[in-house]
Amino acid sequence: REAEHRSYEKIEEILQAFEKAKMRLKANVSFDVTMELMLLT
């Protein structure tokens, strides 16, 4: 269902959002800010 709903570009954007979230956490960016940005994607 998710594969039908999402474009290739959007799936790639989501996968990149996960990597950005891990980088932000490593850089001690606020947990709430990091998670909100990831979940908004």
All heavy atoms as atom14 arrays in JSON, in Angstrom:
{
  "sequence": "REAEHRSYEKIEEILQAFEKAKMRLKANVSFDVTMELMLLT",
  "atom14_mask": [
    [1, 1, 1, 1, 1, 1, 1, 1, 1, 1, 1, 0, 0, 0],
    [1, 1, 1, 1, 1, 1, 1, 1, 1, 0, 0, 0, 0, 0],
    [1, 1, 1, 1, 1, 0, 0, 0, 0, 0, 0, 0, 0, 0],
    [1, 1, 1, 1, 1, 1, 1, 1, 1, 0, 0, 0, 0, 0],
    [1, 1, 1, 1, 1, 1, 1, 1, 1, 1, 0, 0, 0, 0],
    [1, 1, 1, 1, 1, 1, 1, 1, 1, 1, 1, 0, 0, 0],
    [1, 1, 1, 1, 1, 1, 0, 0, 0, 0, 0, 0, 0, 0],
    [1, 1, 1, 1, 1, 1, 1, 1, 1, 1, 1, 1, 0, 0],
    [1, 1, 1, 1, 1, 1, 1, 1, 1, 0, 0, 0, 0, 0],
    [1, 1, 1, 1, 1, 1, 1, 1, 1, 0, 0, 0, 0, 0],
    [1, 1, 1, 1, 1, 1, 1, 1, 0, 0, 0, 0, 0, 0],
    [1, 1, 1, 1, 1, 1, 1, 1, 1, 0, 0, 0, 0, 0],
    [1, 1, 1, 1, 1, 1, 1, 1, 1, 0, 0, 0, 0, 0],
    [1, 1, 1, 1, 1, 1, 1, 1, 0, 0, 0, 0, 0, 0],
    [1, 1, 1, 1, 1, 1, 1, 1, 0, 0, 0, 0, 0, 0],
    [1, 1, 1, 1, 1, 1, 1, 1, 1, 0, 0, 0, 0, 0],
    [1, 1, 1, 1, 1, 0, 0, 0, 0, 0, 0, 0, 0, 0],
    [1, 1, 1, 1, 1, 1, 1, 1, 1, 1, 1, 0, 0, 0],
    [1, 1, 1, 1, 1, 1, 1, 1, 1, 0, 0, 0, 0, 0],
    [1, 1, 1, 1, 1, 1, 1, 1, 1, 0, 0, 0, 0, 0],
    [1, 1, 1, 1, 1, 0, 0, 0, 0, 0, 0, 0, 0, 0],
    [1, 1, 1, 1, 1, 1, 1, 1, 1, 0, 0, 0, 0, 0],
    [1, 1, 1, 1, 1, 1, 1, 1, 0, 0, 0, 0, 0, 0],
    [1, 1, 1, 1, 1, 1, 1, 1, 1, 1, 1, 0, 0, 0],
    [1, 1, 1, 1, 1, 1, 1, 1, 0, 0, 0, 0, 0, 0],
    [1, 1, 1, 1, 1, 1, 1, 1, 1, 0, 0, 0, 0, 0],
    [1, 1, 1, 1, 1, 0, 0, 0, 0, 0, 0, 0, 0, 0],
    [1, 1, 1, 1, 1, 1, 1, 1, 0, 0, 0, 0, 0, 0],
    [1, 1, 1, 1, 1, 1, 1, 0, 0, 0, 0, 0, 0, 0],
    [1, 1, 1, 1, 1, 1, 0, 0, 0, 0, 0, 0, 0, 0],
    [1, 1, 1, 1, 1, 1, 1, 1, 1, 1, 1, 0, 0, 0],
    [1, 1, 1, 1, 1, 1, 1, 1, 0, 0, 0, 0, 0, 0],
    [1, 1, 1, 1, 1, 1, 1, 0, 0, 0, 0, 0, 0, 0],
    [1, 1, 1, 1, 1, 1, 1, 0, 0, 0, 0, 0, 0, 0],
    [1, 1, 1, 1, 1, 1, 1, 1, 0, 0, 0, 0, 0, 0],
    [1, 1, 1, 1, 1, 1, 1, 1, 1, 0, 0, 0, 0, 0],
    [1, 1, 1, 1, 1, 1, 1, 1, 0, 0, 0, 0, 0, 0],
    [1, 1, 1, 1, 1, 1, 1, 1, 0, 0, 0, 0, 0, 0],
    [1, 1, 1, 1, 1, 1, 1, 1, 0, 0, 0, 0, 0, 0],
    [1, 1, 1, 1, 1, 1, 1, 1, 0, 0, 0, 0, 0, 0],
    [1, 1, 1, 1, 1, 1, 1, 0, 0, 0, 0, 0, 0, 0]
  ],
  "atom14_positions": [
    [[0.83, -1.22, 0.0], [0.0, 0.0, 0.0], [0.86, 1.26, 0.0], [0.59, 2.22, -0.74], [-0.91, -0.01, 1.23], [-1.9, 1.15, 1.28], [-2.68, 1.14, 2.58], [-1.8, 1.41, 3.72], [-2.18, 1.29, 4.99], [-3.39, 0.84, 5.3], [-1.33, 1.57, 5.97], [0.0, 0.0, 0.0], [0.0, 0.0, 0.0], [0.0, 0.0, 0.0]],
    [[1.92, 1.25, 0.82], [2.82, 2.42, 0.88], [3.56, 2.59, -0.44], [3.76, 3.73, -0.91], [3.8, 2.25, 2.04], [4.63, 3.48, 2.34], [3.84, 4.6, 3.0], [2.63, 4.41, 3.27], [4.43, 5.65, 3.23], [0.0, 0.0, 0.0], [0.0, 0.0, 0.0], [0.0, 0.0, 0.0], [0.0, 0.0, 0.0], [0.0, 0.0, 0.0]],
    [[3.97, 1.49, -1.07], [4.68, 1.56, -2.36], [3.79, 2.17, -3.43], [4.27, 2.94, -4.29], [5.14, 0.17, -2.78], [0.0, 0.0, 0.0], [0.0, 0.0, 0.0], [0.0, 0.0, 0.0], [0.0, 0.0, 0.0], [0.0, 0.0, 0.0], [0.0, 0.0, 0.0], [0.0, 0.0, 0.0], [0.0, 0.0, 0.0], [0.0, 0.0, 0.0]],
    [[2.51, 1.86, -3.39], [1.58, 2.43, -4.37], [1.35, 3.91, -4.12], [1.22, 4.71, -5.06], [0.26, 1.67, -4.31], [-0.76, 2.13, -5.35], [-2.05, 1.33, -5.29], [-2.14, 0.4, -4.46], [-2.97, 1.65, -6.05], [0.0, 0.0, 0.0], [0.0, 0.0, 0.0], [0.0, 0.0, 0.0], [0.0, 0.0, 0.0], [0.0, 0.0, 0.0]],
    [[1.35, 4.29, -2.85], [1.04, 5.67, -2.46], [2.21, 6.62, -2.68], [2.01, 7.81, -2.96], [0.62, 5.67, -0.98], [0.43, 7.02, -0.4], [-0.57, 7.89, -0.8], [1.12, 7.68, 0.59], [-0.49, 9.01, -0.1], [0.53, 8.91, 0.74], [0.0, 0.0, 0.0], [0.0, 0.0, 0.0], [0.0, 0.0, 0.0], [0.0, 0.0, 0.0]],
    [[3.45, 6.12, -2.57], [4.63, 6.99, -2.61], [5.33, 6.92, -3.97], [5.43, 5.85, -4.57], [5.63, 6.57, -1.54], [5.1, 6.56, -0.12], [4.89, 7.94, 0.43], [4.76, 7.91, 1.89], [4.55, 8.98, 2.65], [4.45, 10.17, 2.09], [4.44, 8.87, 3.97], [0.0, 0.0, 0.0], [0.0, 0.0, 0.0], [0.0, 0.0, 0.0]],
    [[5.86, 8.04, -4.39], [6.7, 8.06, -5.59], [8.11, 7.63, -5.23], [8.49, 7.63, -4.05], [6.73, 9.47, -6.19], [7.41, 10.36, -5.3], [0.0, 0.0, 0.0], [0.0, 0.0, 0.0], [0.0, 0.0, 0.0], [0.0, 0.0, 0.0], [0.0, 0.0, 0.0], [0.0, 0.0, 0.0], [0.0, 0.0, 0.0], [0.0, 0.0, 0.0]],
    [[8.92, 7.29, -6.24], [10.32, 6.95, -5.98], [11.04, 8.12, -5.32], [11.84, 7.94, -4.4], [11.03, 6.59, -7.29], [10.7, 5.21, -7.82], [9.94, 5.06, -8.97], [11.14, 4.07, -7.17], [9.63, 3.8, -9.47], [10.85, 2.8, -7.65], [10.08, 2.67, -8.8], [9.78, 1.42, -9.28], [0.0, 0.0, 0.0], [0.0, 0.0, 0.0]],
    [[10.73, 9.33, -5.79], [11.4, 10.52, -5.25], [11.06, 10.71, -3.77], [11.93, 11.06, -2.96], [10.98, 11.76, -6.04], [11.51, 11.82, -7.47], [10.73, 10.91, -8.43], [9.63, 10.44, -8.05], [11.23, 10.68, -9.54], [0.0, 0.0, 0.0], [0.0, 0.0, 0.0], [0.0, 0.0, 0.0], [0.0, 0.0, 0.0], [0.0, 0.0, 0.0]],
    [[9.78, 10.46, -3.41], [9.38, 10.64, -2.02], [10.01, 9.58, -1.12], [10.44, 9.88, 0.01], [7.86, 10.57, -1.91], [7.35, 10.84, -0.49], [7.77, 12.23, -0.01], [7.32, 12.49, 1.42], [7.74, 13.83, 1.88], [0.0, 0.0, 0.0], [0.0, 0.0, 0.0], [0.0, 0.0, 0.0], [0.0, 0.0, 0.0], [0.0, 0.0, 0.0]],
    [[10.08, 8.35, -1.6], [10.73, 7.3, -0.8], [12.19, 7.65, -0.55], [12.7, 7.49, 0.55], [10.6, 5.93, -1.5], [9.14, 5.51, -1.61], [11.39, 4.85, -0.74], [8.9, 4.28, -2.48], [0.0, 0.0, 0.0], [0.0, 0.0, 0.0], [0.0, 0.0, 0.0], [0.0, 0.0, 0.0], [0.0, 0.0, 0.0], [0.0, 0.0, 0.0]],
    [[12.86, 8.15, -1.58], [14.26, 8.55, -1.43], [14.38, 9.7, -0.43], [15.3, 9.73, 0.4], [14.83, 8.97, -2.78], [16.3, 9.36, -2.77], [17.21, 8.22, -2.33], [16.87, 7.04, -2.61], [18.26, 8.5, -1.72], [0.0, 0.0, 0.0], [0.0, 0.0, 0.0], [0.0, 0.0, 0.0], [0.0, 0.0, 0.0], [0.0, 0.0, 0.0]],
    [[13.43, 10.65, -0.48], [13.44, 11.77, 0.47], [13.27, 11.26, 1.9], [13.93, 11.75, 2.83], [12.31, 12.75, 0.12], [12.26, 13.97, 1.03], [11.06, 14.86, 0.75], [10.35, 14.62, -0.24], [10.81, 15.78, 1.56], [0.0, 0.0, 0.0], [0.0, 0.0, 0.0], [0.0, 0.0, 0.0], [0.0, 0.0, 0.0], [0.0, 0.0, 0.0]],
    [[12.41, 10.29, 2.09], [12.17, 9.73, 3.42], [13.43, 9.01, 3.92], [13.84, 9.18, 5.08], [10.97, 8.76, 3.39], [9.67, 9.56, 3.21], [10.9, 7.93, 4.67], [8.45, 8.71, 2.92], [0.0, 0.0, 0.0], [0.0, 0.0, 0.0], [0.0, 0.0, 0.0], [0.0, 0.0, 0.0], [0.0, 0.0, 0.0], [0.0, 0.0, 0.0]],
    [[14.05, 8.22, 3.07], [15.27, 7.52, 3.47], [16.37, 8.52, 3.83], [17.12, 8.31, 4.79], [15.74, 6.59, 2.34], [14.85, 5.36, 2.09], [15.27, 4.64, 0.81], [14.92, 4.39, 3.27], [0.0, 0.0, 0.0], [0.0, 0.0, 0.0], [0.0, 0.0, 0.0], [0.0, 0.0, 0.0], [0.0, 0.0, 0.0], [0.0, 0.0, 0.0]],
    [[16.46, 9.62, 3.09], [17.44, 10.65, 3.42], [17.1, 11.33, 4.75], [18.01, 11.71, 5.51], [17.5, 11.69, 2.3], [18.13, 11.18, 1.02], [18.09, 12.2, -0.1], [17.55, 13.31, 0.06], [18.63, 11.84, -1.26], [0.0, 0.0, 0.0], [0.0, 0.0, 0.0], [0.0, 0.0, 0.0], [0.0, 0.0, 0.0], [0.0, 0.0, 0.0]],
    [[15.81, 11.47, 5.04], [15.39, 12.08, 6.31], [15.85, 11.24, 7.5], [16.22, 11.79, 8.55], [13.87, 12.24, 6.35], [0.0, 0.0, 0.0], [0.0, 0.0, 0.0], [0.0, 0.0, 0.0], [0.0, 0.0, 0.0], [0.0, 0.0, 0.0], [0.0, 0.0, 0.0], [0.0, 0.0, 0.0], [0.0, 0.0, 0.0], [0.0, 0.0, 0.0]],
    [[15.84, 9.91, 7.35], [16.32, 9.05, 8.43], [17.82, 9.27, 8.66], [18.28, 9.35, 9.81], [16.06, 7.57, 8.1], [14.6, 7.21, 8.01], [14.14, 6.35, 7.02], [13.68, 7.73, 8.91], [12.8, 6.01, 6.94], [12.34, 7.39, 8.84], [11.9, 6.53, 7.85], [0.0, 0.0, 0.0], [0.0, 0.0, 0.0], [0.0, 0.0, 0.0]],
    [[18.59, 9.37, 7.58], [20.03, 9.61, 7.73], [20.31, 10.98, 8.34], [21.18, 11.13, 9.19], [20.72, 9.49, 6.36], [20.75, 8.07, 5.81], [21.41, 7.1, 6.78], [22.51, 7.4, 7.28], [20.81, 6.05, 7.06], [0.0, 0.0, 0.0], [0.0, 0.0, 0.0], [0.0, 0.0, 0.0], [0.0, 0.0, 0.0], [0.0, 0.0, 0.0]],
    [[19.54, 11.99, 7.92], [19.71, 13.34, 8.48], [19.4, 13.33, 9.98], [20.08, 13.99, 10.78], [18.8, 14.34, 7.77], [19.25, 14.68, 6.36], [18.25, 15.62, 5.69], [18.66, 15.92, 4.24], [17.64, 16.75, 3.56], [0.0, 0.0, 0.0], [0.0, 0.0, 0.0], [0.0, 0.0, 0.0], [0.0, 0.0, 0.0], [0.0, 0.0, 0.0]],
    [[18.36, 12.57, 10.36], [18.0, 12.51, 11.78], [19.13, 11.91, 12.6], [19.46, 12.42, 13.69], [16.72, 11.68, 11.95], [0.0, 0.0, 0.0], [0.0, 0.0, 0.0], [0.0, 0.0, 0.0], [0.0, 0.0, 0.0], [0.0, 0.0, 0.0], [0.0, 0.0, 0.0], [0.0, 0.0, 0.0], [0.0, 0.0, 0.0], [0.0, 0.0, 0.0]],
    [[19.77, 10.85, 12.1], [20.87, 10.24, 12.84], [22.06, 11.2, 12.93], [22.73, 11.27, 13.97], [21.27, 8.92, 12.18], [20.24, 7.82, 12.36], [20.77, 6.45, 12.0], [21.01, 6.27, 10.54], [21.41, 4.87, 10.2], [0.0, 0.0, 0.0], [0.0, 0.0, 0.0], [0.0, 0.0, 0.0], [0.0, 0.0, 0.0], [0.0, 0.0, 0.0]],
    [[22.3, 11.96, 11.86], [23.39, 12.93, 11.89], [23.1, 14.05, 12.89], [23.99, 14.5, 13.61], [23.61, 13.51, 10.49], [24.21, 12.52, 9.49], [24.28, 13.17, 7.8], [25.39, 14.57, 8.03], [0.0, 0.0, 0.0], [0.0, 0.0, 0.0], [0.0, 0.0, 0.0], [0.0, 0.0, 0.0], [0.0, 0.0, 0.0], [0.0, 0.0, 0.0]],
    [[21.85, 14.49, 12.93], [21.49, 15.55, 13.89], [21.64, 15.07, 15.32], [22.12, 15.8, 16.19], [20.05, 16.02, 13.63], [19.89, 16.83, 12.34], [18.46, 17.29, 12.13], [18.34, 18.09, 10.93], [17.53, 17.81, 9.9], [16.74, 16.74, 9.95], [17.48, 18.6, 8.85], [0.0, 0.0, 0.0], [0.0, 0.0, 0.0], [0.0, 0.0, 0.0]],
    [[21.23, 13.83, 15.58], [21.38, 13.29, 16.93], [22.85, 13.2, 17.32], [23.22, 13.48, 18.46], [20.72, 11.92, 17.02], [19.19, 11.92, 16.97], [18.67, 10.49, 16.82], [18.59, 12.58, 18.2], [0.0, 0.0, 0.0], [0.0, 0.0, 0.0], [0.0, 0.0, 0.0], [0.0, 0.0, 0.0], [0.0, 0.0, 0.0], [0.0, 0.0, 0.0]],
    [[23.68, 12.79, 16.37], [25.12, 12.7, 16.64], [25.7, 14.08, 16.95], [26.63, 14.21, 17.74], [25.84, 12.08, 15.44], [27.33, 11.89, 15.65], [28.01, 11.28, 14.44], [27.78, 9.8, 14.34], [28.63, 9.17, 13.3], [0.0, 0.0, 0.0], [0.0, 0.0, 0.0], [0.0, 0.0, 0.0], [0.0, 0.0, 0.0], [0.0, 0.0, 0.0]],
    [[25.12, 15.12, 16.31], [25.6, 16.49, 16.54], [24.92, 17.15, 17.73], [25.05, 18.36, 17.93], [25.37, 17.33, 15.28], [0.0, 0.0, 0.0], [0.0, 0.0, 0.0], [0.0, 0.0, 0.0], [0.0, 0.0, 0.0], [0.0, 0.0, 0.0], [0.0, 0.0, 0.0], [0.0, 0.0, 0.0], [0.0, 0.0, 0.0], [0.0, 0.0, 0.0]],
    [[24.17, 16.34, 18.52], [23.5, 16.82, 19.74], [22.42, 17.86, 19.47], [22.14, 18.72, 20.32], [24.51, 17.38, 20.74], [25.37, 16.28, 21.35], [24.91, 15.16, 21.54], [26.62, 16.6, 21.64], [0.0, 0.0, 0.0], [0.0, 0.0, 0.0], [0.0, 0.0, 0.0], [0.0, 0.0, 0.0], [0.0, 0.0, 0.0], [0.0, 0.0, 0.0]],
    [[21.79, 17.79, 18.29], [20.6, 18.6, 18.04], [19.47, 18.08, 18.92], [19.4, 16.88, 19.22], [20.2, 18.54, 16.55], [18.91, 19.3, 16.28], [21.33, 19.11, 15.68], [0.0, 0.0, 0.0], [0.0, 0.0, 0.0], [0.0, 0.0, 0.0], [0.0, 0.0, 0.0], [0.0, 0.0, 0.0], [0.0, 0.0, 0.0], [0.0, 0.0, 0.0]],
    [[18.59, 18.95, 19.36], [17.47, 18.58, 20.23], [16.73, 17.34, 19.7], [16.41, 17.25, 18.51], [16.49, 19.75, 20.33], [15.21, 19.34, 20.73], [0.0, 0.0, 0.0], [0.0, 0.0, 0.0], [0.0, 0.0, 0.0], [0.0, 0.0, 0.0], [0.0, 0.0, 0.0], [0.0, 0.0, 0.0], [0.0, 0.0, 0.0], [0.0, 0.0, 0.0]],
    [[16.44, 16.4, 20.62], [15.71, 15.19, 20.25], [14.37, 15.54, 19.63], [13.99, 15.01, 18.58], [15.52, 14.29, 21.49], [14.66, 13.09, 21.24], [15.21, 11.92, 20.74], [13.3, 13.12, 21.51], [14.42, 10.8, 20.51], [12.5, 12.02, 21.28], [13.07, 10.85, 20.78], [0.0, 0.0, 0.0], [0.0, 0.0, 0.0], [0.0, 0.0, 0.0]],
    [[13.61, 16.44, 20.28], [12.27, 16.77, 19.78], [12.33, 17.41, 18.4], [11.54, 17.07, 17.51], [11.56, 17.71, 20.75], [11.03, 16.98, 21.99], [11.21, 15.74, 22.06], [10.43, 17.63, 22.86], [0.0, 0.0, 0.0], [0.0, 0.0, 0.0], [0.0, 0.0, 0.0], [0.0, 0.0, 0.0], [0.0, 0.0, 0.0], [0.0, 0.0, 0.0]],
    [[13.26, 18.34, 18.22], [13.39, 18.99, 16.9], [13.76, 17.96, 15.83], [13.19, 17.93, 14.73], [14.46, 20.11, 16.96], [14.79, 20.62, 15.56], [13.98, 21.26, 17.83], [0.0, 0.0, 0.0], [0.0, 0.0, 0.0], [0.0, 0.0, 0.0], [0.0, 0.0, 0.0], [0.0, 0.0, 0.0], [0.0, 0.0, 0.0], [0.0, 0.0, 0.0]],
    [[14.71, 17.08, 16.15], [15.15, 16.06, 15.19], [14.01, 15.15, 14.81], [13.78, 14.87, 13.62], [16.3, 15.23, 15.8], [17.4, 16.09, 16.06], [16.73, 14.13, 14.86], [0.0, 0.0, 0.0], [0.0, 0.0, 0.0], [0.0, 0.0, 0.0], [0.0, 0.0, 0.0], [0.0, 0.0, 0.0], [0.0, 0.0, 0.0], [0.0, 0.0, 0.0]],
    [[13.26, 14.66, 15.79], [12.17, 13.74, 15.51], [11.02, 14.42, 14.75], [10.43, 13.84, 13.85], [11.63, 13.13, 16.81], [12.6, 12.2, 17.5], [13.01, 10.72, 16.51], [14.65, 11.16, 15.95], [0.0, 0.0, 0.0], [0.0, 0.0, 0.0], [0.0, 0.0, 0.0], [0.0, 0.0, 0.0], [0.0, 0.0, 0.0], [0.0, 0.0, 0.0]],
    [[10.72, 15.67, 15.11], [9.64, 16.38, 14.42], [9.97, 16.58, 12.95], [9.12, 16.39, 12.08], [9.37, 17.72, 15.11], [8.61, 17.58, 16.42], [8.33, 18.92, 17.08], [8.56, 19.95, 16.41], [7.88, 18.93, 18.24], [0.0, 0.0, 0.0], [0.0, 0.0, 0.0], [0.0, 0.0, 0.0], [0.0, 0.0, 0.0], [0.0, 0.0, 0.0]],
    [[11.2, 16.98, 12.65], [11.59, 17.16, 11.25], [11.51, 15.84, 10.49], [11.05, 15.8, 9.33], [13.02, 17.72, 11.19], [13.19, 19.17, 11.64], [14.67, 19.52, 11.74], [12.5, 20.12, 10.67], [0.0, 0.0, 0.0], [0.0, 0.0, 0.0], [0.0, 0.0, 0.0], [0.0, 0.0, 0.0], [0.0, 0.0, 0.0], [0.0, 0.0, 0.0]],
    [[11.93, 14.75, 11.12], [11.87, 13.43, 10.45], [10.41, 13.01, 10.22], [10.05, 12.57, 9.12], [12.58, 12.4, 11.31], [12.65, 11.02, 10.69], [13.38, 9.8, 11.83], [11.97, 9.49, 12.91], [0.0, 0.0, 0.0], [0.0, 0.0, 0.0], [0.0, 0.0, 0.0], [0.0, 0.0, 0.0], [0.0, 0.0, 0.0], [0.0, 0.0, 0.0]],
    [[9.58, 13.17, 11.24], [8.18, 12.74, 11.13], [7.39, 13.59, 10.15], [6.49, 13.1, 9.46], [7.52, 12.75, 12.5], [8.07, 11.72, 13.5], [7.45, 11.94, 14.88], [7.83, 10.3, 13.02], [0.0, 0.0, 0.0], [0.0, 0.0, 0.0], [0.0, 0.0, 0.0], [0.0, 0.0, 0.0], [0.0, 0.0, 0.0], [0.0, 0.0, 0.0]],
    [[7.73, 14.88, 10.06], [7.07, 15.75, 9.08], [7.34, 15.26, 7.65], [6.46, 15.36, 6.78], [7.53, 17.2, 9.25], [6.89, 17.96, 10.41], [7.61, 19.29, 10.62], [5.4, 18.19, 10.15], [0.0, 0.0, 0.0], [0.0, 0.0, 0.0], [0.0, 0.0, 0.0], [0.0, 0.0, 0.0], [0.0, 0.0, 0.0], [0.0, 0.0, 0.0]],
    [[8.53, 14.76, 7.42], [8.84, 14.21, 6.09], [7.97, 12.99, 5.8], [7.49, 12.81, 4.68], [10.32, 13.82, 6.0], [11.12, 14.94, 6.33], [10.68, 13.35, 4.58], [0.0, 0.0, 0.0], [0.0, 0.0, 0.0], [0.0, 0.0, 0.0], [0.0, 0.0, 0.0], [0.0, 0.0, 0.0], [0.0, 0.0, 0.0], [0.0, 0.0, 0.0]]
  ]
}
